Amino acid sequence: MQITRISPKRQITIPKEVCDKLLLRAGDFLEVDVVDEGIMLFPKKLISRSQEWFWTKEWQEKEKEADQAIAKGEVSRAFEKADDLIKHLRKHK
């Protein structure tokens, strides 16, 4: 365990070893939670609102399914024409 001090501006310094282990860099965000015995800090990545859909539980479950299908080789062939792809997709609804 390491000890740090709160500055007059209520800032703390996170020890280098902790930053290295968690890959924290200057400018990164941390979620701060108050717990019974103190403070918990959690590294967070902020994303654009336009990208929020990708990180929903439902979308991530579908991403996992797709990754598993690809790993099993369950993929369609390459299509030279968009019309051929559209026909293929309509057949496999």
PDB file of N, CA and C in Angstrom:
ATOM      1  N   MET A   1       0.852  -1.176   0.000  1.00  0.00           N
ATOM      2  CA  MET A   1       0.000   0.000   0.000  1.00  0.00           C
ATOM      3  C   MET A   1       0.894   1.234   0.000  1.00  0.00           C
ATOM      4  N   GLN A   2       0.472   2.237  -0.759  1.00  0.00           N
ATOM      5  CA  GLN A   2       1.210   3.492  -0.808  1.00  0.00           C
ATOM      6  C   GLN A   2       0.325   4.606  -0.265  1.00  0.00           C
ATOM      7  N   ILE A   3       0.960   5.676   0.164  1.00  0.00           N
ATOM      8  CA  ILE A   3       0.227   6.800   0.739  1.00  0.00           C
ATOM      9  C   ILE A   3       0.447   8.029  -0.142  1.00  0.00           C
ATOM     10  N   THR A   4      -0.591   8.805  -0.316  1.00  0.00           N
ATOM     11  CA  THR A   4      -0.510  10.058  -1.059  1.00  0.00           C
ATOM     12  C   THR A   4      -1.169  11.146  -0.231  1.00  0.00           C
ATOM     13  N   ARG A   5      -0.973  12.394  -0.608  1.00  0.00           N
ATOM     14  CA  ARG A   5      -1.495  13.512   0.153  1.00  0.00           C
ATOM     15  C   ARG A   5      -2.468  14.326  -0.695  1.00  0.00           C
ATOM     16  N   ILE A   6      -3.495  14.869  -0.070  1.00  0.00           N
ATOM     17  CA  ILE A   6      -4.445  15.747  -0.749  1.00  0.00           C
ATOM     18  C   ILE A   6      -3.857  17.156  -0.742  1.00  0.00           C
ATOM     19  N   SER A   7      -3.776  17.764  -1.924  1.00  0.00           N
ATOM     20  CA  SER A   7      -3.219  19.125  -2.042  1.00  0.00           C
ATOM     21  C   SER A   7      -4.274  20.148  -1.614  1.00  0.00           C
ATOM     22  N   PRO A   8      -3.876  21.421  -1.486  1.00  0.00           N
ATOM     23  CA  PRO A   8      -4.849  22.467  -1.131  1.00  0.00           C
ATOM     24  C   PRO A   8      -6.003  22.567  -2.135  1.00  0.00           C
ATOM     25  N   LYS A   9      -5.777  22.124  -3.383  1.00  0.00           N
ATOM     26  CA  LYS A   9      -6.850  22.152  -4.390  1.00  0.00           C
ATOM     27  C   LYS A   9      -7.614  20.817  -4.430  1.00  0.00           C
ATOM     28  N   ARG A  10      -7.474  20.010  -3.394  1.00  0.00           N
ATOM     29  CA  ARG A  10      -8.136  18.704  -3.276  1.00  0.00           C
ATOM     30  C   ARG A  10      -7.660  17.713  -4.343  1.00  0.00           C
ATOM     31  N   GLN A  11      -6.432  17.838  -4.804  1.00  0.00           N
ATOM     32  CA  GLN A  11      -5.874  16.930  -5.791  1.00  0.00           C
ATOM     33  C   GLN A  11      -4.990  15.909  -5.096  1.00  0.00           C
ATOM     34  N   ILE A  12      -4.884  14.730  -5.721  1.00  0.00           N
ATOM     35  CA  ILE A  12      -3.971  13.710  -5.210  1.00  0.00           C
ATOM     36  C   ILE A  12      -3.050  13.265  -6.339  1.00  0.00           C
ATOM     37  N   THR A  13      -1.914  12.717  -5.986  1.00  0.00           N
ATOM     38  CA  THR A  13      -0.991  12.145  -6.952  1.00  0.00           C
ATOM     39  C   THR A  13      -1.109  10.635  -6.854  1.00  0.00           C
ATOM     40  N   ILE A  14      -1.367  10.004  -7.988  1.00  0.00           N
ATOM     41  CA  ILE A  14      -1.434   8.540  -8.023  1.00  0.00           C
ATOM     42  C   ILE A  14      -0.012   8.034  -8.250  1.00  0.00           C
ATOM     43  N   PRO A  15       0.471   7.147  -7.406  1.00  0.00           N
ATOM     44  CA  PRO A  15       1.850   6.664  -7.546  1.00  0.00           C
ATOM     45  C   PRO A  15       2.120   6.089  -8.946  1.00  0.00           C
ATOM     46  N   LYS A  16       3.339   6.302  -9.441  1.00  0.00           N
ATOM     47  CA  LYS A  16       3.739   5.868 -10.769  1.00  0.00           C
ATOM     48  C   LYS A  16       3.502   4.377 -10.976  1.00  0.00           C
ATOM     49  N   GLU A  17       3.813   3.576  -9.967  1.00  0.00           N
ATOM     50  CA  GLU A  17       3.646   2.121 -10.090  1.00  0.00           C
ATOM     51  C   GLU A  17       2.184   1.755 -10.362  1.00  0.00           C
ATOM     52  N   VAL A  18       1.264   2.466  -9.723  1.00  0.00           N
ATOM     53  CA  VAL A  18      -0.167   2.213  -9.926  1.00  0.00           C
ATOM     54  C   VAL A  18      -0.559   2.621 -11.340  1.00  0.00           C
ATOM     55  N   CYS A  19      -0.115   3.792 -11.773  1.00  0.00           N
ATOM     56  CA  CYS A  19      -0.423   4.252 -13.137  1.00  0.00           C
ATOM     57  C   CYS A  19       0.127   3.288 -14.179  1.00  0.00           C
ATOM     58  N   ASP A  20       1.344   2.828 -13.968  1.00  0.00           N
ATOM     59  CA  ASP A  20       1.946   1.879 -14.916  1.00  0.00           C
ATOM     60  C   ASP A  20       1.155   0.583 -14.971  1.00  0.00           C
ATOM     61  N   LYS A  21       0.778   0.072 -13.817  1.00  0.00           N
ATOM     62  CA  LYS A  21       0.047  -1.201 -13.758  1.00  0.00           C
ATOM     63  C   LYS A  21      -1.327  -1.092 -14.418  1.00  0.00           C
ATOM     64  N   LEU A  22      -2.001   0.048 -14.249  1.00  0.00           N
ATOM     65  CA  LEU A  22      -3.348   0.236 -14.794  1.00  0.00           C
ATOM     66  C   LEU A  22      -3.349   0.965 -16.142  1.00  0.00           C
ATOM     67  N   LEU A  23      -2.156   1.257 -16.660  1.00  0.00           N
ATOM     68  CA  LEU A  23      -2.004   1.981 -17.933  1.00  0.00           C
ATOM     69  C   LEU A  23      -2.707   3.330 -17.906  1.00  0.00           C
ATOM     70  N   LEU A  24      -2.637   4.009 -16.772  1.00  0.00           N
ATOM     71  CA  LEU A  24      -3.238   5.336 -16.629  1.00  0.00           C
ATOM     72  C   LEU A  24      -2.267   6.394 -17.136  1.00  0.00           C
ATOM     73  N   ARG A  25      -2.826   7.389 -17.824  1.00  0.00           N
ATOM     74  CA  ARG A  25      -2.024   8.481 -18.361  1.00  0.00           C
ATOM     75  C   ARG A  25      -2.653   9.819 -17.959  1.00  0.00           C
ATOM     76  N   ALA A  26      -1.859  10.875 -18.016  1.00  0.00           N
ATOM     77  CA  ALA A  26      -2.378  12.217 -17.730  1.00  0.00           C
ATOM     78  C   ALA A  26      -3.550  12.493 -18.663  1.00  0.00           C
ATOM     79  N   GLY A  27      -4.630  13.008 -18.115  1.00  0.00           N
ATOM     80  CA  GLY A  27      -5.820  13.309 -18.907  1.00  0.00           C
ATOM     81  C   GLY A  27      -6.866  12.211 -18.886  1.00  0.00           C
ATOM     82  N   ASP A  28      -6.515  11.011 -18.394  1.00  0.00           N
ATOM     83  CA  ASP A  28      -7.501   9.934 -18.288  1.00  0.00           C
ATOM     84  C   ASP A  28      -8.559  10.310 -17.258  1.00  0.00           C
ATOM     85  N   PHE A  29      -9.703   9.656 -17.352  1.00  0.00           N
ATOM     86  CA  PHE A  29     -10.803   9.903 -16.424  1.00  0.00           C
ATOM     87  C   PHE A  29     -10.894   8.789 -15.391  1.00  0.00           C
ATOM     88  N   LEU A  30     -11.329   9.168 -14.192  1.00  0.00           N
ATOM     89  CA  LEU A  30     -11.555   8.211 -13.111  1.00  0.00           C
ATOM     90  C   LEU A  30     -12.950   8.429 -12.542  1.00  0.00           C
ATOM     91  N   GLU A  31     -13.667   7.341 -12.321  1.00  0.00           N
ATOM     92  CA  GLU A  31     -14.937   7.414 -11.594  1.00  0.00           C
ATOM     93  C   GLU A  31     -14.592   7.371 -10.119  1.00  0.00           C
ATOM     94  N   VAL A  32     -15.230   8.211  -9.329  1.00  0.00           N
ATOM     95  CA  VAL A  32     -14.957   8.282  -7.893  1.00  0.00           C
ATOM     96  C   VAL A  32     -16.218   7.851  -7.147  1.00  0.00           C
ATOM     97  N   ASP A  33     -16.104   6.808  -6.327  1.00  0.00           N
ATOM     98  CA  ASP A  33     -17.227   6.334  -5.527  1.00  0.00           C
ATOM     99  C   ASP A  33     -16.859   6.390  -4.051  1.00  0.00           C
ATOM    100  N   VAL A  34     -17.827   6.760  -3.242  1.00  0.00           N
ATOM    101  CA  VAL A  34     -17.648   6.735  -1.786  1.00  0.00           C
ATOM    102  C   VAL A  34     -18.172   5.390  -1.293  1.00  0.00           C
ATOM    103  N   VAL A  35     -17.344   4.682  -0.551  1.00  0.00           N
ATOM    104  CA  VAL A  35     -17.724   3.391   0.029  1.00  0.00           C
ATOM    105  C   VAL A  35     -17.610   3.501   1.540  1.00  0.00           C
ATOM    106  N   ASP A  36     -18.076   2.471   2.249  1.00  0.00           N
ATOM    107  CA  ASP A  36     -18.087   2.512   3.712  1.00  0.00           C
ATOM    108  C   ASP A  36     -16.735   2.913   4.304  1.00  0.00           C
ATOM    109  N   GLU A  37     -15.667   2.378   3.743  1.00  0.00           N
ATOM    110  CA  GLU A  37     -14.360   2.607   4.351  1.00  0.00           C
ATOM    111  C   GLU A  37     -13.519   3.661   3.652  1.00  0.00           C
ATOM    112  N   GLY A  38     -14.063   4.339   2.634  1.00  0.00           N
ATOM    113  CA  GLY A  38     -13.255   5.354   1.974  1.00  0.00           C
ATOM    114  C   GLY A  38     -13.698   5.682   0.568  1.00  0.00           C
ATOM    115  N   ILE A  39     -12.717   5.795  -0.320  1.00  0.00           N
ATOM    116  CA  ILE A  39     -12.944   6.207  -1.705  1.00  0.00           C
ATOM    117  C   ILE A  39     -12.440   5.107  -2.640  1.00  0.00           C
ATOM    118  N   MET A  40     -13.214   4.824  -3.685  1.00  0.00           N
ATOM    119  CA  MET A  40     -12.784   3.881  -4.721  1.00  0.00           C
ATOM    120  C   MET A  40     -12.647   4.665  -6.016  1.00  0.00           C
ATOM    121  N   LEU A  41     -11.554   4.452  -6.739  1.00  0.00           N
ATOM    122  CA  LEU A  41     -11.319   5.083  -8.032  1.00  0.00           C
ATOM    123  C   LEU A  41     -11.333   4.006  -9.109  1.00  0.00           C
ATOM    124  N   PHE A  42     -12.064   4.264 -10.198  1.00  0.00           N
ATOM    125  CA  PHE A  42     -12.167   3.312 -11.295  1.00  0.00           C
ATOM    126  C   PHE A  42     -11.814   4.011 -12.603  1.00  0.00           C
ATOM    127  N   PRO A  43     -10.829   3.509 -13.341  1.00  0.00           N
ATOM    128  CA  PRO A  43     -10.507   4.108 -14.644  1.00  0.00           C
ATOM    129  C   PRO A  43     -11.718   4.028 -15.568  1.00  0.00           C
ATOM    130  N   LYS A  44     -11.980   5.104 -16.316  1.00  0.00           N
ATOM    131  CA  LYS A  44     -13.119   5.156 -17.240  1.00  0.00           C
ATOM    132  C   LYS A  44     -12.672   5.738 -18.564  1.00  0.00           C
ATOM    133  N   LYS A  45     -13.274   5.243 -19.631  1.00  0.00           N
ATOM    134  CA  LYS A  45     -13.072   5.806 -20.961  1.00  0.00           C
ATOM    135  C   LYS A  45     -14.371   6.484 -21.358  1.00  0.00           C
ATOM    136  N   LEU A  46     -14.291   7.712 -21.791  1.00  0.00           N
ATOM    137  CA  LEU A  46     -15.475   8.431 -22.238  1.00  0.00           C
ATOM    138  C   LEU A  46     -15.623   8.218 -23.736  1.00  0.00           C
ATOM    139  N   ILE A  47     -16.872   8.038 -24.162  1.00  0.00           N
ATOM    140  CA  ILE A  47     -17.137   7.843 -25.584  1.00  0.00           C
ATOM    141  C   ILE A  47     -18.128   8.890 -26.069  1.00  0.00           C
ATOM    142  N   SER A  48     -18.082   9.160 -27.350  1.00  0.00           N
ATOM    143  CA  SER A  48     -18.999  10.108 -27.959  1.00  0.00           C
ATOM    144  C   SER A  48     -20.422   9.568 -27.881  1.00  0.00           C
ATOM    145  N   ARG A  49     -21.391  10.446 -27.705  1.00  0.00           N
ATOM    146  CA  ARG A  49     -22.793  10.018 -27.680  1.00  0.00           C
ATOM    147  C   ARG A  49     -23.165   9.276 -28.962  1.00  0.00           C
ATOM    148  N   SER A  50     -22.545   9.672 -30.075  1.00  0.00           N
ATOM    149  CA  SER A  50     -22.866   9.022 -31.347  1.00  0.00           C
ATOM    150  C   SER A  50     -22.386   7.573 -31.385  1.00  0.00           C
ATOM    151  N   GLN A  51     -21.553   7.168 -30.428  1.00  0.00           N
ATOM    152  CA  GLN A  51     -21.029   5.800 -30.383  1.00  0.00           C
ATOM    153  C   GLN A  51     -21.593   4.973 -29.231  1.00  0.00           C
ATOM    154  N   GLU A  52     -22.513   5.556 -28.446  1.00  0.00           N
ATOM    155  CA  GLU A  52     -23.046   4.854 -27.276  1.00  0.00           C
ATOM    156  C   GLU A  52     -23.716   3.531 -27.635  1.00  0.00           C
ATOM    157  N   TRP A  53     -24.426   3.472 -28.766  1.00  0.00           N
ATOM    158  CA  TRP A  53     -25.149   2.264 -29.178  1.00  0.00           C
ATOM    159  C   TRP A  53     -24.223   1.055 -29.224  1.00  0.00           C
ATOM    160  N   PHE A  54     -22.968   1.258 -29.652  1.00  0.00           N
ATOM    161  CA  PHE A  54     -22.042   0.143 -29.808  1.00  0.00           C
ATOM    162  C   PHE A  54     -21.737  -0.521 -28.472  1.00  0.00           C
ATOM    163  N   TRP A  55     -21.794   0.230 -27.400  1.00  0.00           N
ATOM    164  CA  TRP A  55     -21.420  -0.291 -26.088  1.00  0.00           C
ATOM    165  C   TRP A  55     -22.609  -0.744 -25.250  1.00  0.00           C
ATOM    166  N   THR A  56     -23.810  -0.818 -25.837  1.00  0.00           N
ATOM    167  CA  THR A  56     -24.951  -1.342 -25.100  1.00  0.00           C
ATOM    168  C   THR A  56     -24.765  -2.837 -24.888  1.00  0.00           C
ATOM    169  N   LYS A  57     -25.379  -3.355 -23.848  1.00  0.00           N
ATOM    170  CA  LYS A  57     -25.268  -4.785 -23.540  1.00  0.00           C
ATOM    171  C   LYS A  57     -25.742  -5.626 -24.725  1.00  0.00           C
ATOM    172  N   GLU A  58     -26.865  -5.236 -25.322  1.00  0.00           N
ATOM    173  CA  GLU A  58     -27.430  -6.005 -26.436  1.00  0.00           C
ATOM    174  C   GLU A  58     -26.464  -6.044 -27.623  1.00  0.00           C
ATOM    175  N   TRP A  59     -25.885  -4.905 -27.970  1.00  0.00           N
ATOM    176  CA  TRP A  59     -24.986  -4.857 -29.123  1.00  0.00           C
ATOM    177  C   TRP A  59     -23.723  -5.681 -28.843  1.00  0.00           C
ATOM    178  N   GLN A  60     -23.205  -5.573 -27.625  1.00  0.00           N
ATOM    179  CA  GLN A  60     -21.999  -6.331 -27.286  1.00  0.00           C
ATOM    180  C   GLN A  60     -22.254  -7.834 -27.307  1.00  0.00           C
ATOM    181  N   GLU A  61     -23.471  -8.263 -26.927  1.00  0.00           N
ATOM    182  CA  GLU A  61     -23.813  -9.688 -27.013  1.00  0.00           C
ATOM    183  C   GLU A  61     -23.805 -10.149 -28.467  1.00  0.00           C
ATOM    184  N   LYS A  62     -24.345  -9.316 -29.368  1.00  0.00           N
ATOM    185  CA  LYS A  62     -24.347  -9.650 -30.798  1.00  0.00           C
ATOM    186  C   LYS A  62     -22.923  -9.658 -31.358  1.00  0.00           C
ATOM    187  N   GLU A  63     -22.082  -8.748 -30.897  1.00  0.00           N
ATOM    188  CA  GLU A  63     -20.681  -8.735 -31.323  1.00  0.00           C
ATOM    189  C   GLU A  63     -19.988 -10.040 -30.921  1.00  0.00           C
ATOM    190  N   LYS A  64     -20.278 -10.507 -29.700  1.00  0.00           N
ATOM    191  CA  LYS A  64     -19.688 -11.752 -29.216  1.00  0.00           C
ATOM    192  C   LYS A  64     -20.164 -12.930 -30.064  1.00  0.00           C
ATOM    193  N   GLU A  65     -21.464 -12.961 -30.389  1.00  0.00           N
ATOM    194  CA  GLU A  65     -22.003 -14.019 -31.252  1.00  0.00           C
ATOM    195  C   GLU A  65     -21.316 -13.997 -32.615  1.00  0.00           C
ATOM    196  N   ALA A  66     -21.150 -12.808 -33.171  1.00  0.00           N
ATOM    197  CA  ALA A  66     -20.506 -12.690 -34.481  1.00  0.00           C
ATOM    198  C   ALA A  66     -19.058 -13.171 -34.420  1.00  0.00           C
ATOM    199  N   ASP A  67     -18.339 -12.812 -33.376  1.00  0.00           N
ATOM    200  CA  ASP A  67     -16.956 -13.259 -33.219  1.00  0.00           C
ATOM    201  C   ASP A  67     -16.877 -14.780 -33.135  1.00  0.00           C
ATOM    202  N   GLN A  68     -17.814 -15.388 -32.409  1.00  0.00           N
ATOM    203  CA  GLN A  68     -17.830 -16.849 -32.289  1.00  0.00           C
ATOM    204  C   GLN A  68     -18.136 -17.503 -33.631  1.00  0.00           C
ATOM    205  N   ALA A  69     -19.078 -16.944 -34.385  1.00  0.00           N
ATOM    206  CA  ALA A  69     -19.422 -17.483 -35.707  1.00  0.00           C
ATOM    207  C   ALA A  69     -18.228 -17.388 -36.652  1.00  0.00           C
ATOM    208  N   ILE A  70     -17.534 -16.265 -36.617  1.00  0.00           N
ATOM    209  CA  ILE A  70     -16.352 -16.093 -37.466  1.00  0.00           C
ATOM    210  C   ILE A  70     -15.286 -17.099 -37.084  1.00  0.00           C
ATOM    211  N   ALA A  71     -15.072 -17.297 -35.788  1.00  0.00           N
ATOM    212  CA  ALA A  71     -14.067 -18.262 -35.324  1.00  0.00           C
ATOM    213  C   ALA A  71     -14.392 -19.679 -35.788  1.00  0.00           C
ATOM    214  N   LYS A  72     -15.687 -19.993 -35.919  1.00  0.00           N
ATOM    215  CA  LYS A  72     -16.122 -21.315 -36.391  1.00  0.00           C
ATOM    216  C   LYS A  72     -16.113 -21.410 -37.915  1.00  0.00           C
ATOM    217  N   GLY A  73     -15.838 -20.298 -38.586  1.00  0.00           N
ATOM    218  CA  GLY A  73     -15.836 -20.291 -40.044  1.00  0.00           C
ATOM    219  C   GLY A  73     -17.211 -20.106 -40.655  1.00  0.00           C
ATOM    220  N   GLU A  74     -18.168 -19.688 -39.852  1.00  0.00           N
ATOM    221  CA  GLU A  74     -19.533 -19.490 -40.330  1.00  0.00           C
ATOM    222  C   GLU A  74     -19.665 -18.096 -40.949  1.00  0.00           C
ATOM    223  N   VAL A  75     -19.078 -17.939 -42.137  1.00  0.00           N
ATOM    224  CA  VAL A  75     -19.102 -16.656 -42.828  1.00  0.00           C
ATOM    225  C   VAL A  75     -19.569 -16.853 -44.268  1.00  0.00           C
ATOM    226  N   SER A  76     -20.090 -15.809 -44.850  1.00  0.00           N
ATOM    227  CA  SER A  76     -20.518 -15.848 -46.247  1.00  0.00           C
ATOM    228  C   SER A  76     -19.318 -15.656 -47.157  1.00  0.00           C
ATOM    229  N   ARG A  77     -19.486 -16.042 -48.393  1.00  0.00           N
ATOM    230  CA  ARG A  77     -18.428 -15.841 -49.383  1.00  0.00           C
ATOM    231  C   ARG A  77     -18.352 -14.352 -49.731  1.00  0.00           C
ATOM    232  N   ALA A  78     -17.312 -13.981 -50.435  1.00  0.00           N
ATOM    233  CA  ALA A  78     -17.178 -12.598 -50.911  1.00  0.00           C
ATOM    234  C   ALA A  78     -18.095 -12.397 -52.113  1.00  0.00           C
ATOM    235  N   PHE A  79     -18.648 -11.221 -52.238  1.00  0.00           N
ATOM    236  CA  PHE A  79     -19.552 -10.897 -53.343  1.00  0.00           C
ATOM    237  C   PHE A  79     -18.925  -9.823 -54.212  1.00  0.00           C
ATOM    238  N   GLU A  80     -19.001 -10.022 -55.531  1.00  0.00           N
ATOM    239  CA  GLU A  80     -18.450  -9.037 -56.459  1.00  0.00           C
ATOM    240  C   GLU A  80     -19.422  -7.892 -56.693  1.00  0.00           C
ATOM    241  N   LYS A  81     -20.723  -8.184 -56.597  1.00  0.00           N
ATOM    242  CA  LYS A  81     -21.738  -7.165 -56.857  1.00  0.00           C
ATOM    243  C   LYS A  81     -22.640  -7.016 -55.631  1.00  0.00           C
ATOM    244  N   ALA A  82     -23.036  -5.789 -55.370  1.00  0.00           N
ATOM    245  CA  ALA A  82     -23.925  -5.522 -54.240  1.00  0.00           C
ATOM    246  C   ALA A  82     -25.252  -6.242 -54.400  1.00  0.00           C
ATOM    247  N   ASP A  83     -25.753  -6.333 -55.623  1.00  0.00           N
ATOM    248  CA  ASP A  83     -27.023  -7.029 -55.869  1.00  0.00           C
ATOM    249  C   ASP A  83     -26.957  -8.482 -55.430  1.00  0.00           C
ATOM    250  N   ASP A  84     -25.822  -9.138 -55.694  1.00  0.00           N
ATOM    251  CA  ASP A  84     -25.657 -10.537 -55.277  1.00  0.00           C
ATOM    252  C   ASP A  84     -25.679 -10.654 -53.752  1.00  0.00           C
ATOM    253  N   LEU A  85     -25.037  -9.724 -53.076  1.00  0.00           N
ATOM    254  CA  LEU A  85     -25.050  -9.715 -51.615  1.00  0.00           C
ATOM    255  C   LEU A  85     -26.468  -9.525 -51.089  1.00  0.00           C
ATOM    256  N   ILE A  86     -27.203  -8.589 -51.675  1.00  0.00           N
ATOM    257  CA  ILE A  86     -28.578  -8.320 -51.231  1.00  0.00           C
ATOM    258  C   ILE A  86     -29.455  -9.547 -51.422  1.00  0.00           C
ATOM    259  N   LYS A  87     -29.319 -10.230 -52.544  1.00  0.00           N
ATOM    260  CA  LYS A  87     -30.079 -11.469 -52.789  1.00  0.00           C
ATOM    261  C   LYS A  87     -29.742 -12.524 -51.732  1.00  0.00           C
ATOM    262  N   HIS A  88     -28.464 -12.656 -51.448  1.00  0.00           N
ATOM    263  CA  HIS A  88     -28.007 -13.630 -50.446  1.00  0.00           C
ATOM    264  C   HIS A  88     -28.600 -13.298 -49.069  1.00  0.00           C
ATOM    265  N   LEU A  89     -28.561 -12.040 -48.681  1.00  0.00           N
ATOM    266  CA  LEU A  89     -29.088 -11.635 -47.383  1.00  0.00           C
ATOM    267  C   LEU A  89     -30.587 -11.877 -47.291  1.00  0.00           C
ATOM    268  N   ARG A  90     -31.306 -11.609 -48.355  1.00  0.00           N
ATOM    269  CA  ARG A  90     -32.757 -11.827 -48.347  1.00  0.00           C
ATOM    270  C   ARG A  90     -33.094 -13.298 -48.240  1.00  0.00           C
ATOM    271  N   LYS A  91     -32.271 -14.154 -48.834  1.00  0.00           N
ATOM    272  CA  LYS A  91     -32.509 -15.606 -48.756  1.00  0.00           C
ATOM    273  C   LYS A  91     -32.266 -16.137 -47.349  1.00  0.00           C
ATOM    274  N   HIS A  92     -31.403 -15.499 -46.603  1.00  0.00           N
ATOM    275  CA  HIS A  92     -30.995 -16.011 -45.282  1.00  0.00           C
ATOM    276  C   HIS A  92     -31.564 -15.218 -44.118  1.00  0.00           C
ATOM    277  N   LYS A  93     -32.732 -14.641 -44.293  1.00  0.00           N
ATOM    278  CA  LYS A  93     -33.364 -13.879 -43.196  1.00  0.00           C
ATOM    279  C   LYS A  93     -33.747 -14.790 -42.069  1.00  0.00           C
TER     280      LYS A  93
END
